Amino acid sequence: MDTINKAAKGELVIKIVGGPESIPPRSQPEAVRLGAVDMAFVPCSWYQSIVPEAAVMNLSKLEPWDERKTGWFDYLVEKHQKAGLRYVGTSDIAARFILWQRIPSRIRRS
């Protein structure tokens, strides 16, 4: 965290404000959507009520870079955007934890 904060020179600041003690785990996606926090890293099953497509996200066996080539990534960005979220990507195909944030202008797409 310190390394990223230093390298970002104030453009991105990561600050851990607590875990389940501050916002219950399954409430974290809604907290991002409402702007209480800027970013969350959670399993897709925790927010199917906000983004119904999340129910099938863990079925993909593609690597993240292949999801971008097929258009699956862009499709997920669109569906999350309609819910007031910015889909950023996954950690790996085994765990399927999802990283997204509230403010799209702070993330650069590769």
PDB file of N, CA and C in Angstrom:
ATOM      1  N   MET A   1       0.825  -1.177   0.000  1.00  0.00           N
ATOM      2  CA  MET A   1       0.000   0.000   0.000  1.00  0.00           C
ATOM      3  C   MET A   1       0.878   1.253   0.000  1.00  0.00           C
ATOM      4  N   ASP A   2       1.894   1.285   0.837  1.00  0.00           N
ATOM      5  CA  ASP A   2       2.786   2.447   0.892  1.00  0.00           C
ATOM      6  C   ASP A   2       3.519   2.647  -0.435  1.00  0.00           C
ATOM      7  N   THR A   3       3.937   1.543  -1.057  1.00  0.00           N
ATOM      8  CA  THR A   3       4.646   1.619  -2.333  1.00  0.00           C
ATOM      9  C   THR A   3       3.756   2.226  -3.408  1.00  0.00           C
ATOM     10  N   ILE A   4       2.506   1.789  -3.466  1.00  0.00           N
ATOM     11  CA  ILE A   4       1.569   2.312  -4.467  1.00  0.00           C
ATOM     12  C   ILE A   4       1.287   3.788  -4.207  1.00  0.00           C
ATOM     13  N   ASN A   5       1.030   4.146  -2.953  1.00  0.00           N
ATOM     14  CA  ASN A   5       0.744   5.540  -2.623  1.00  0.00           C
ATOM     15  C   ASN A   5       1.910   6.453  -2.999  1.00  0.00           C
ATOM     16  N   LYS A   6       3.127   5.993  -2.738  1.00  0.00           N
ATOM     17  CA  LYS A   6       4.304   6.798  -3.060  1.00  0.00           C
ATOM     18  C   LYS A   6       4.468   6.944  -4.575  1.00  0.00           C
ATOM     19  N   ALA A   7       4.317   5.848  -5.303  1.00  0.00           N
ATOM     20  CA  ALA A   7       4.481   5.871  -6.759  1.00  0.00           C
ATOM     21  C   ALA A   7       3.397   6.706  -7.440  1.00  0.00           C
ATOM     22  N   ALA A   8       2.213   6.743  -6.883  1.00  0.00           N
ATOM     23  CA  ALA A   8       1.095   7.473  -7.490  1.00  0.00           C
ATOM     24  C   ALA A   8       1.176   8.980  -7.242  1.00  0.00           C
ATOM     25  N   LYS A   9       2.026   9.405  -6.343  1.00  0.00           N
ATOM     26  CA  LYS A   9       2.262  10.834  -6.075  1.00  0.00           C
ATOM     27  C   LYS A   9       0.965  11.623  -5.870  1.00  0.00           C
ATOM     28  N   GLY A  10       0.058  11.048  -5.107  1.00  0.00           N
ATOM     29  CA  GLY A  10      -1.181  11.738  -4.770  1.00  0.00           C
ATOM     30  C   GLY A  10      -2.328  11.552  -5.742  1.00  0.00           C
ATOM     31  N   GLU A  11      -2.057  10.998  -6.931  1.00  0.00           N
ATOM     32  CA  GLU A  11      -3.143  10.772  -7.890  1.00  0.00           C
ATOM     33  C   GLU A  11      -4.029   9.615  -7.460  1.00  0.00           C
ATOM     34  N   LEU A  12      -3.473   8.674  -6.750  1.00  0.00           N
ATOM     35  CA  LEU A  12      -4.211   7.544  -6.196  1.00  0.00           C
ATOM     36  C   LEU A  12      -3.721   7.371  -4.769  1.00  0.00           C
ATOM     37  N   VAL A  13      -4.629   7.330  -3.837  1.00  0.00           N
ATOM     38  CA  VAL A  13      -4.274   7.126  -2.440  1.00  0.00           C
ATOM     39  C   VAL A  13      -5.076   5.943  -1.927  1.00  0.00           C
ATOM     40  N   ILE A  14      -4.391   4.909  -1.468  1.00  0.00           N
ATOM     41  CA  ILE A  14      -5.047   3.741  -0.896  1.00  0.00           C
ATOM     42  C   ILE A  14      -4.941   3.840   0.611  1.00  0.00           C
ATOM     43  N   LYS A  15      -6.084   3.801   1.251  1.00  0.00           N
ATOM     44  CA  LYS A  15      -6.126   3.865   2.705  1.00  0.00           C
ATOM     45  C   LYS A  15      -7.123   2.816   3.188  1.00  0.00           C
ATOM     46  N   ILE A  16      -6.653   1.910   3.994  1.00  0.00           N
ATOM     47  CA  ILE A  16      -7.532   0.882   4.541  1.00  0.00           C
ATOM     48  C   ILE A  16      -8.281   1.477   5.720  1.00  0.00           C
ATOM     49  N   VAL A  17      -9.599   1.438   5.650  1.00  0.00           N
ATOM     50  CA  VAL A  17     -10.421   2.029   6.705  1.00  0.00           C
ATOM     51  C   VAL A  17     -11.087   0.967   7.567  1.00  0.00           C
ATOM     52  N   GLY A  18     -10.748  -0.258   7.365  1.00  0.00           N
ATOM     53  CA  GLY A  18     -11.336  -1.329   8.162  1.00  0.00           C
ATOM     54  C   GLY A  18     -11.921  -2.388   7.262  1.00  0.00           C
ATOM     55  N   GLY A  19     -12.290  -3.444   7.833  1.00  0.00           N
ATOM     56  CA  GLY A  19     -12.877  -4.538   7.075  1.00  0.00           C
ATOM     57  C   GLY A  19     -14.318  -4.720   7.476  1.00  0.00           C
ATOM     58  N   PRO A  20     -14.666  -5.938   7.819  1.00  0.00           N
ATOM     59  CA  PRO A  20     -16.059  -6.217   8.165  1.00  0.00           C
ATOM     60  C   PRO A  20     -16.534  -5.467   9.405  1.00  0.00           C
ATOM     61  N   GLU A  21     -15.572  -4.949  10.188  1.00  0.00           N
ATOM     62  CA  GLU A  21     -15.962  -4.191  11.376  1.00  0.00           C
ATOM     63  C   GLU A  21     -16.580  -2.855  10.989  1.00  0.00           C
ATOM     64  N   SER A  22     -16.136  -2.267   9.876  1.00  0.00           N
ATOM     65  CA  SER A  22     -16.651  -0.961   9.469  1.00  0.00           C
ATOM     66  C   SER A  22     -17.865  -1.081   8.546  1.00  0.00           C
ATOM     67  N   ILE A  23     -17.815  -2.003   7.593  1.00  0.00           N
ATOM     68  CA  ILE A  23     -18.942  -2.263   6.693  1.00  0.00           C
ATOM     69  C   ILE A  23     -19.053  -3.775   6.546  1.00  0.00           C
ATOM     70  N   PRO A  24     -20.190  -4.353   6.914  1.00  0.00           N
ATOM     71  CA  PRO A  24     -20.350  -5.809   6.777  1.00  0.00           C
ATOM     72  C   PRO A  24     -20.030  -6.256   5.346  1.00  0.00           C
ATOM     73  N   PRO A  25     -19.381  -7.404   5.197  1.00  0.00           N
ATOM     74  CA  PRO A  25     -18.922  -7.851   3.876  1.00  0.00           C
ATOM     75  C   PRO A  25     -19.966  -7.777   2.769  1.00  0.00           C
ATOM     76  N   ARG A  26     -21.133  -8.298   2.986  1.00  0.00           N
ATOM     77  CA  ARG A  26     -22.137  -8.327   1.917  1.00  0.00           C
ATOM     78  C   ARG A  26     -22.778  -6.968   1.667  1.00  0.00           C
ATOM     79  N   SER A  27     -22.478  -5.991   2.502  1.00  0.00           N
ATOM     80  CA  SER A  27     -22.977  -4.621   2.297  1.00  0.00           C
ATOM     81  C   SER A  27     -21.957  -3.762   1.551  1.00  0.00           C
ATOM     82  N   GLN A  28     -20.745  -4.264   1.358  1.00  0.00           N
ATOM     83  CA  GLN A  28     -19.696  -3.478   0.721  1.00  0.00           C
ATOM     84  C   GLN A  28     -20.013  -3.077  -0.721  1.00  0.00           C
ATOM     85  N   PRO A  29     -20.590  -3.962  -1.557  1.00  0.00           N
ATOM     86  CA  PRO A  29     -20.931  -3.516  -2.913  1.00  0.00           C
ATOM     87  C   PRO A  29     -21.909  -2.332  -2.920  1.00  0.00           C
ATOM     88  N   GLU A  30     -22.903  -2.383  -2.073  1.00  0.00           N
ATOM     89  CA  GLU A  30     -23.870  -1.279  -2.011  1.00  0.00           C
ATOM     90  C   GLU A  30     -23.211  -0.013  -1.462  1.00  0.00           C
ATOM     91  N   ALA A  31     -22.259  -0.173  -0.546  1.00  0.00           N
ATOM     92  CA  ALA A  31     -21.530   0.986  -0.007  1.00  0.00           C
ATOM     93  C   ALA A  31     -20.746   1.687  -1.109  1.00  0.00           C
ATOM     94  N   VAL A  32     -20.182   0.929  -2.037  1.00  0.00           N
ATOM     95  CA  VAL A  32     -19.475   1.530  -3.177  1.00  0.00           C
ATOM     96  C   VAL A  32     -20.481   2.226  -4.087  1.00  0.00           C
ATOM     97  N   ARG A  33     -21.565   1.537  -4.390  1.00  0.00           N
ATOM     98  CA  ARG A  33     -22.573   2.107  -5.284  1.00  0.00           C
ATOM     99  C   ARG A  33     -23.115   3.426  -4.753  1.00  0.00           C
ATOM    100  N   LEU A  34     -23.290   3.520  -3.446  1.00  0.00           N
ATOM    101  CA  LEU A  34     -23.838   4.730  -2.838  1.00  0.00           C
ATOM    102  C   LEU A  34     -22.783   5.791  -2.545  1.00  0.00           C
ATOM    103  N   GLY A  35     -21.492   5.442  -2.726  1.00  0.00           N
ATOM    104  CA  GLY A  35     -20.432   6.410  -2.528  1.00  0.00           C
ATOM    105  C   GLY A  35     -19.882   6.486  -1.115  1.00  0.00           C
ATOM    106  N   ALA A  36     -20.281   5.564  -0.233  1.00  0.00           N
ATOM    107  CA  ALA A  36     -19.742   5.561   1.130  1.00  0.00           C
ATOM    108  C   ALA A  36     -18.259   5.204   1.128  1.00  0.00           C
ATOM    109  N   VAL A  37     -17.840   4.352   0.200  1.00  0.00           N
ATOM    110  CA  VAL A  37     -16.430   4.020  -0.018  1.00  0.00           C
ATOM    111  C   VAL A  37     -16.177   4.058  -1.521  1.00  0.00           C
ATOM    112  N   ASP A  38     -14.934   4.213  -1.911  1.00  0.00           N
ATOM    113  CA  ASP A  38     -14.597   4.340  -3.328  1.00  0.00           C
ATOM    114  C   ASP A  38     -14.368   3.017  -4.035  1.00  0.00           C
ATOM    115  N   MET A  39     -13.982   1.974  -3.301  1.00  0.00           N
ATOM    116  CA  MET A  39     -13.569   0.751  -3.969  1.00  0.00           C
ATOM    117  C   MET A  39     -13.820  -0.446  -3.067  1.00  0.00           C
ATOM    118  N   ALA A  40     -14.143  -1.583  -3.671  1.00  0.00           N
ATOM    119  CA  ALA A  40     -14.295  -2.838  -2.927  1.00  0.00           C
ATOM    120  C   ALA A  40     -13.773  -3.984  -3.780  1.00  0.00           C
ATOM    121  N   PHE A  41     -13.372  -5.020  -3.112  1.00  0.00           N
ATOM    122  CA  PHE A  41     -12.821  -6.212  -3.759  1.00  0.00           C
ATOM    123  C   PHE A  41     -13.566  -7.399  -3.166  1.00  0.00           C
ATOM    124  N   VAL A  42     -14.618  -7.858  -3.854  1.00  0.00           N
ATOM    125  CA  VAL A  42     -15.547  -8.831  -3.285  1.00  0.00           C
ATOM    126  C   VAL A  42     -15.912  -9.911  -4.289  1.00  0.00           C
ATOM    127  N   PRO A  43     -16.426 -11.050  -3.803  1.00  0.00           N
ATOM    128  CA  PRO A  43     -16.911 -12.091  -4.718  1.00  0.00           C
ATOM    129  C   PRO A  43     -18.166 -11.614  -5.455  1.00  0.00           C
ATOM    130  N   CYS A  44     -18.313 -12.047  -6.695  1.00  0.00           N
ATOM    131  CA  CYS A  44     -19.454 -11.599  -7.494  1.00  0.00           C
ATOM    132  C   CYS A  44     -20.785 -12.038  -6.896  1.00  0.00           C
ATOM    133  N   SER A  45     -20.818 -13.094  -6.136  1.00  0.00           N
ATOM    134  CA  SER A  45     -22.074 -13.551  -5.543  1.00  0.00           C
ATOM    135  C   SER A  45     -22.628 -12.578  -4.514  1.00  0.00           C
ATOM    136  N   TRP A  46     -21.824 -11.652  -4.042  1.00  0.00           N
ATOM    137  CA  TRP A  46     -22.269 -10.709  -3.020  1.00  0.00           C
ATOM    138  C   TRP A  46     -23.105  -9.569  -3.583  1.00  0.00           C
ATOM    139  N   TYR A  47     -23.166  -9.407  -4.884  1.00  0.00           N
ATOM    140  CA  TYR A  47     -23.904  -8.259  -5.402  1.00  0.00           C
ATOM    141  C   TYR A  47     -24.780  -8.574  -6.613  1.00  0.00           C
ATOM    142  N   GLN A  48     -25.273  -9.788  -6.683  1.00  0.00           N
ATOM    143  CA  GLN A  48     -26.179 -10.173  -7.770  1.00  0.00           C
ATOM    144  C   GLN A  48     -27.464  -9.355  -7.760  1.00  0.00           C
ATOM    145  N   SER A  49     -27.856  -8.859  -6.592  1.00  0.00           N
ATOM    146  CA  SER A  49     -29.069  -8.045  -6.534  1.00  0.00           C
ATOM    147  C   SER A  49     -28.856  -6.676  -7.178  1.00  0.00           C
ATOM    148  N   ILE A  50     -27.615  -6.223  -7.265  1.00  0.00           N
ATOM    149  CA  ILE A  50     -27.294  -4.931  -7.883  1.00  0.00           C
ATOM    150  C   ILE A  50     -27.004  -5.111  -9.366  1.00  0.00           C
ATOM    151  N   VAL A  51     -26.198  -6.135  -9.689  1.00  0.00           N
ATOM    152  CA  VAL A  51     -25.836  -6.452 -11.081  1.00  0.00           C
ATOM    153  C   VAL A  51     -26.190  -7.932 -11.305  1.00  0.00           C
ATOM    154  N   PRO A  52     -27.375  -8.229 -11.845  1.00  0.00           N
ATOM    155  CA  PRO A  52     -27.789  -9.622 -12.018  1.00  0.00           C
ATOM    156  C   PRO A  52     -26.795 -10.478 -12.809  1.00  0.00           C
ATOM    157  N   GLU A  53     -26.070  -9.864 -13.745  1.00  0.00           N
ATOM    158  CA  GLU A  53     -25.078 -10.612 -14.538  1.00  0.00           C
ATOM    159  C   GLU A  53     -23.960 -11.168 -13.678  1.00  0.00           C
ATOM    160  N   ALA A  54     -23.797 -10.654 -12.482  1.00  0.00           N
ATOM    161  CA  ALA A  54     -22.769 -11.160 -11.570  1.00  0.00           C
ATOM    162  C   ALA A  54     -22.997 -12.639 -11.251  1.00  0.00           C
ATOM    163  N   ALA A  55     -24.224 -13.101 -11.398  1.00  0.00           N
ATOM    164  CA  ALA A  55     -24.550 -14.500 -11.105  1.00  0.00           C
ATOM    165  C   ALA A  55     -23.781 -15.479 -11.989  1.00  0.00           C
ATOM    166  N   VAL A  56     -23.381 -15.051 -13.180  1.00  0.00           N
ATOM    167  CA  VAL A  56     -22.679 -15.954 -14.098  1.00  0.00           C
ATOM    168  C   VAL A  56     -21.215 -15.609 -14.305  1.00  0.00           C
ATOM    169  N   MET A  57     -20.753 -14.546 -13.652  1.00  0.00           N
ATOM    170  CA  MET A  57     -19.376 -14.106 -13.871  1.00  0.00           C
ATOM    171  C   MET A  57     -18.352 -15.183 -13.514  1.00  0.00           C
ATOM    172  N   ASN A  58     -18.634 -15.969 -12.497  1.00  0.00           N
ATOM    173  CA  ASN A  58     -17.663 -16.986 -12.078  1.00  0.00           C
ATOM    174  C   ASN A  58     -17.650 -18.204 -12.998  1.00  0.00           C
ATOM    175  N   LEU A  59     -18.515 -18.246 -13.987  1.00  0.00           N
ATOM    176  CA  LEU A  59     -18.533 -19.375 -14.922  1.00  0.00           C
ATOM    177  C   LEU A  59     -17.471 -19.245 -16.012  1.00  0.00           C
ATOM    178  N   SER A  60     -16.972 -18.056 -16.215  1.00  0.00           N
ATOM    179  CA  SER A  60     -15.958 -17.850 -17.243  1.00  0.00           C
ATOM    180  C   SER A  60     -14.662 -18.553 -16.852  1.00  0.00           C
ATOM    181  N   LYS A  61     -14.127 -19.306 -17.768  1.00  0.00           N
ATOM    182  CA  LYS A  61     -12.846 -19.986 -17.546  1.00  0.00           C
ATOM    183  C   LYS A  61     -11.726 -19.281 -18.311  1.00  0.00           C
ATOM    184  N   LEU A  62     -12.036 -18.114 -18.884  1.00  0.00           N
ATOM    185  CA  LEU A  62     -11.044 -17.360 -19.635  1.00  0.00           C
ATOM    186  C   LEU A  62     -10.124 -16.592 -18.699  1.00  0.00           C
ATOM    187  N   GLU A  63      -8.906 -16.407 -19.142  1.00  0.00           N
ATOM    188  CA  GLU A  63      -7.989 -15.522 -18.425  1.00  0.00           C
ATOM    189  C   GLU A  63      -8.498 -14.097 -18.613  1.00  0.00           C
ATOM    190  N   PRO A  64      -8.195 -13.190 -17.678  1.00  0.00           N
ATOM    191  CA  PRO A  64      -8.689 -11.812 -17.801  1.00  0.00           C
ATOM    192  C   PRO A  64      -8.358 -11.150 -19.136  1.00  0.00           C
ATOM    193  N   TRP A  65      -7.174 -11.367 -19.684  1.00  0.00           N
ATOM    194  CA  TRP A  65      -6.806 -10.741 -20.959  1.00  0.00           C
ATOM    195  C   TRP A  65      -7.627 -11.314 -22.109  1.00  0.00           C
ATOM    196  N   ASP A  66      -8.041 -12.581 -21.996  1.00  0.00           N
ATOM    197  CA  ASP A  66      -8.892 -13.165 -23.031  1.00  0.00           C
ATOM    198  C   ASP A  66     -10.330 -12.655 -22.912  1.00  0.00           C
ATOM    199  N   GLU A  67     -10.758 -12.360 -21.699  1.00  0.00           N
ATOM    200  CA  GLU A  67     -12.089 -11.766 -21.518  1.00  0.00           C
ATOM    201  C   GLU A  67     -12.161 -10.410 -22.216  1.00  0.00           C
ATOM    202  N   ARG A  68     -11.067  -9.684 -22.222  1.00  0.00           N
ATOM    203  CA  ARG A  68     -11.030  -8.392 -22.914  1.00  0.00           C
ATOM    204  C   ARG A  68     -11.110  -8.601 -24.429  1.00  0.00           C
ATOM    205  N   LYS A  69     -10.397  -9.592 -24.941  1.00  0.00           N
ATOM    206  CA  LYS A  69     -10.401  -9.852 -26.388  1.00  0.00           C
ATOM    207  C   LYS A  69     -11.779 -10.249 -26.897  1.00  0.00           C
ATOM    208  N   THR A  70     -12.540 -10.991 -26.105  1.00  0.00           N
ATOM    209  CA  THR A  70     -13.845 -11.493 -26.547  1.00  0.00           C
ATOM    210  C   THR A  70     -14.972 -10.491 -26.378  1.00  0.00           C
ATOM    211  N   GLY A  71     -14.737  -9.408 -25.629  1.00  0.00           N
ATOM    212  CA  GLY A  71     -15.794  -8.440 -25.391  1.00  0.00           C
ATOM    213  C   GLY A  71     -16.521  -8.649 -24.073  1.00  0.00           C
ATOM    214  N   TRP A  72     -16.223  -9.745 -23.377  1.00  0.00           N
ATOM    215  CA  TRP A  72     -16.859 -10.035 -22.091  1.00  0.00           C
ATOM    216  C   TRP A  72     -16.559  -8.930 -21.071  1.00  0.00           C
ATOM    217  N   PHE A  73     -15.333  -8.454 -21.037  1.00  0.00           N
ATOM    218  CA  PHE A  73     -14.959  -7.385 -20.118  1.00  0.00           C
ATOM    219  C   PHE A  73     -15.792  -6.133 -20.393  1.00  0.00           C
ATOM    220  N   ASP A  74     -15.877  -5.712 -21.639  1.00  0.00           N
ATOM    221  CA  ASP A  74     -16.649  -4.521 -21.992  1.00  0.00           C
ATOM    222  C   ASP A  74     -18.129  -4.686 -21.647  1.00  0.00           C
ATOM    223  N   TYR A  75     -18.650  -5.880 -21.841  1.00  0.00           N
ATOM    224  CA  TYR A  75     -20.040  -6.175 -21.477  1.00  0.00           C
ATOM    225  C   TYR A  75     -20.233  -5.976 -19.974  1.00  0.00           C
ATOM    226  N   LEU A  76     -19.294  -6.479 -19.166  1.00  0.00           N
ATOM    227  CA  LEU A  76     -19.394  -6.328 -17.716  1.00  0.00           C
ATOM    228  C   LEU A  76     -19.246  -4.870 -17.286  1.00  0.00           C
ATOM    229  N   VAL A  77     -18.371  -4.133 -17.953  1.00  0.00           N
ATOM    230  CA  VAL A  77     -18.234  -2.699 -17.666  1.00  0.00           C
ATOM    231  C   VAL A  77     -19.579  -2.012 -17.886  1.00  0.00           C
ATOM    232  N   GLU A  78     -20.231  -2.313 -19.001  1.00  0.00           N
ATOM    233  CA  GLU A  78     -21.521  -1.708 -19.322  1.00  0.00           C
ATOM    234  C   GLU A  78     -22.583  -2.051 -18.274  1.00  0.00           C
ATOM    235  N   LYS A  79     -22.676  -3.311 -17.894  1.00  0.00           N
ATOM    236  CA  LYS A  79     -23.691  -3.743 -16.924  1.00  0.00           C
ATOM    237  C   LYS A  79     -23.438  -3.136 -15.546  1.00  0.00           C
ATOM    238  N   HIS A  80     -22.189  -3.057 -15.140  1.00  0.00           N
ATOM    239  CA  HIS A  80     -21.863  -2.446 -13.849  1.00  0.00           C
ATOM    240  C   HIS A  80     -22.143  -0.945 -13.879  1.00  0.00           C
ATOM    241  N   GLN A  81     -21.844  -0.304 -15.008  1.00  0.00           N
ATOM    242  CA  GLN A  81     -22.067   1.137 -15.132  1.00  0.00           C
ATOM    243  C   GLN A  81     -23.549   1.468 -14.944  1.00  0.00           C
ATOM    244  N   LYS A  82     -24.431   0.638 -15.478  1.00  0.00           N
ATOM    245  CA  LYS A  82     -25.868   0.857 -15.320  1.00  0.00           C
ATOM    246  C   LYS A  82     -26.283   0.801 -13.851  1.00  0.00           C
ATOM    247  N   ALA A  83     -25.491   0.099 -13.031  1.00  0.00           N
ATOM    248  CA  ALA A  83     -25.789  -0.020 -11.599  1.00  0.00           C
ATOM    249  C   ALA A  83     -25.048   1.031 -10.777  1.00  0.00           C
ATOM    250  N   GLY A  84     -24.306   1.914 -11.451  1.00  0.00           N
ATOM    251  CA  GLY A  84     -23.576   2.958 -10.737  1.00  0.00           C
ATOM    252  C   GLY A  84     -22.217   2.521 -10.237  1.00  0.00           C
ATOM    253  N   LEU A  85     -21.645   1.498 -10.858  1.00  0.00           N
ATOM    254  CA  LEU A  85     -20.335   0.974 -10.480  1.00  0.00           C
ATOM    255  C   LEU A  85     -19.403   0.996 -11.683  1.00  0.00           C
ATOM    256  N   ARG A  86     -18.109   0.896 -11.433  1.00  0.00           N
ATOM    257  CA  ARG A  86     -17.122   0.770 -12.516  1.00  0.00           C
ATOM    258  C   ARG A  86     -16.397  -0.544 -12.316  1.00  0.00           C
ATOM    259  N   TYR A  87     -16.670  -1.492 -13.187  1.00  0.00           N
ATOM    260  CA  TYR A  87     -16.006  -2.795 -13.137  1.00  0.00           C
ATOM    261  C   TYR A  87     -14.557  -2.616 -13.570  1.00  0.00           C
ATOM    262  N   VAL A  88     -13.627  -3.097 -12.750  1.00  0.00           N
ATOM    263  CA  VAL A  88     -12.205  -2.952 -13.048  1.00  0.00           C
ATOM    264  C   VAL A  88     -11.601  -4.276 -13.493  1.00  0.00           C
ATOM    265  N   GLY A  89     -11.984  -5.374 -12.879  1.00  0.00           N
ATOM    266  CA  GLY A  89     -11.462  -6.673 -13.275  1.00  0.00           C
ATOM    267  C   GLY A  89     -11.497  -7.674 -12.143  1.00  0.00           C
ATOM    268  N   THR A  90     -10.917  -8.830 -12.408  1.00  0.00           N
ATOM    269  CA  THR A  90     -10.894  -9.920 -11.439  1.00  0.00           C
ATOM    270  C   THR A  90      -9.470 -10.151 -10.945  1.00  0.00           C
ATOM    271  N   SER A  91      -9.371 -10.867  -9.837  1.00  0.00           N
ATOM    272  CA  SER A  91      -8.048 -11.164  -9.286  1.00  0.00           C
ATOM    273  C   SER A  91      -7.436 -12.376  -9.972  1.00  0.00           C
ATOM    274  N   ASP A  92      -8.220 -13.406 -10.142  1.00  0.00           N
ATOM    275  CA  ASP A  92      -7.785 -14.605 -10.851  1.00  0.00           C
ATOM    276  C   ASP A  92      -9.016 -15.446 -11.141  1.00  0.00           C
ATOM    277  N   ILE A  93      -8.883 -16.409 -12.047  1.00  0.00           N
ATOM    278  CA  ILE A  93     -10.066 -17.162 -12.454  1.00  0.00           C
ATOM    279  C   ILE A  93     -10.497 -18.200 -11.430  1.00  0.00           C
ATOM    280  N   ALA A  94      -9.667 -18.520 -10.461  1.00  0.00           N
ATOM    281  CA  ALA A  94     -10.052 -19.507  -9.461  1.00  0.00           C
ATOM    282  C   ALA A  94     -10.950 -18.899  -8.392  1.00  0.00           C
ATOM    283  N   ALA A  95     -10.603 -17.734  -7.884  1.00  0.00           N
ATOM    284  CA  ALA A  95     -11.339 -17.138  -6.765  1.00  0.00           C
ATOM    285  C   ALA A  95     -12.494 -16.270  -7.221  1.00  0.00           C
ATOM    286  N   ARG A  96     -12.353 -15.575  -8.348  1.00  0.00           N
ATOM    287  CA  ARG A  96     -13.363 -14.678  -8.884  1.00  0.00           C
ATOM    288  C   ARG A  96     -13.799 -13.599  -7.904  1.00  0.00           C
ATOM    289  N   PHE A  97     -12.828 -12.969  -7.293  1.00  0.00           N
ATOM    290  CA  PHE A  97     -13.122 -11.752  -6.550  1.00  0.00           C
ATOM    291  C   PHE A  97     -13.086 -10.613  -7.543  1.00  0.00           C
ATOM    292  N   ILE A  98     -13.943  -9.629  -7.370  1.00  0.00           N
ATOM    293  CA  ILE A  98     -14.114  -8.561  -8.340  1.00  0.00           C
ATOM    294  C   ILE A  98     -13.626  -7.242  -7.759  1.00  0.00           C
ATOM    295  N   LEU A  99     -12.922  -6.473  -8.575  1.00  0.00           N
ATOM    296  CA  LEU A  99     -12.445  -5.155  -8.165  1.00  0.00           C
ATOM    297  C   LEU A  99     -13.165  -4.119  -9.000  1.00  0.00           C
ATOM    298  N   TRP A 100     -13.819  -3.166  -8.337  1.00  0.00           N
ATOM    299  CA  TRP A 100     -14.470  -2.079  -9.030  1.00  0.00           C
ATOM    300  C   TRP A 100     -14.509  -0.871  -8.136  1.00  0.00           C
ATOM    301  N   GLN A 101     -14.852   0.254  -8.708  1.00  0.00           N
ATOM    302  CA  GLN A 101     -14.860   1.492  -7.943  1.00  0.00           C
ATOM    303  C   GLN A 101     -16.025   2.369  -8.364  1.00  0.00           C
ATOM    304  N   ARG A 102     -16.229   3.440  -7.652  1.00  0.00           N
ATOM    305  CA  ARG A 102     -17.351   4.353  -7.897  1.00  0.00           C
ATOM    306  C   ARG A 102     -17.044   5.379  -8.982  1.00  0.00           C
ATOM    307  N   ILE A 103     -15.822   5.896  -9.044  1.00  0.00           N
ATOM    308  CA  ILE A 103     -15.496   7.006  -9.925  1.00  0.00           C
ATOM    309  C   ILE A 103     -14.694   6.503 -11.143  1.00  0.00           C
ATOM    310  N   PRO A 104     -15.300   6.421 -12.328  1.00  0.00           N
ATOM    311  CA  PRO A 104     -14.631   5.830 -13.485  1.00  0.00           C
ATOM    312  C   PRO A 104     -13.417   6.608 -13.985  1.00  0.00           C
ATOM    313  N   SER A 105     -13.354   7.903 -13.780  1.00  0.00           N
ATOM    314  CA  SER A 105     -12.258   8.685 -14.346  1.00  0.00           C
ATOM    315  C   SER A 105     -10.921   8.397 -13.673  1.00  0.00           C
ATOM    316  N   ARG A 106     -10.930   7.706 -12.554  1.00  0.00           N
ATOM    317  CA  ARG A 106      -9.681   7.429 -11.843  1.00  0.00           C
ATOM    318  C   ARG A 106      -9.007   6.135 -12.303  1.00  0.00           C
ATOM    319  N   ILE A 107      -9.635   5.382 -13.152  1.00  0.00           N
ATOM    320  CA  ILE A 107      -9.071   4.116 -13.615  1.00  0.00           C
ATOM    321  C   ILE A 107      -8.761   4.225 -15.101  1.00  0.00           C
ATOM    322  N   ARG A 108      -7.575   3.838 -15.472  1.00  0.00           N
ATOM    323  CA  ARG A 108      -7.189   3.827 -16.886  1.00  0.00           C
ATOM    324  C   ARG A 108      -7.348   2.418 -17.407  1.00  0.00           C
ATOM    325  N   ARG A 109      -8.020   2.286 -18.531  1.00  0.00           N
ATOM    326  CA  ARG A 109      -8.177   0.971 -19.160  1.00  0.00           C
ATOM    327  C   ARG A 109      -6.961   0.674 -19.983  1.00  0.00           C
ATOM    328  N   SER A 110      -6.542  -0.580 -19.944  1.00  0.00           N
ATOM    329  CA  SER A 110      -5.392  -0.983 -20.756  1.00  0.00           C
ATOM    330  C   SER A 110      -5.831  -1.663 -22.025  1.00  0.00           C
TER     331      SER A 110
END
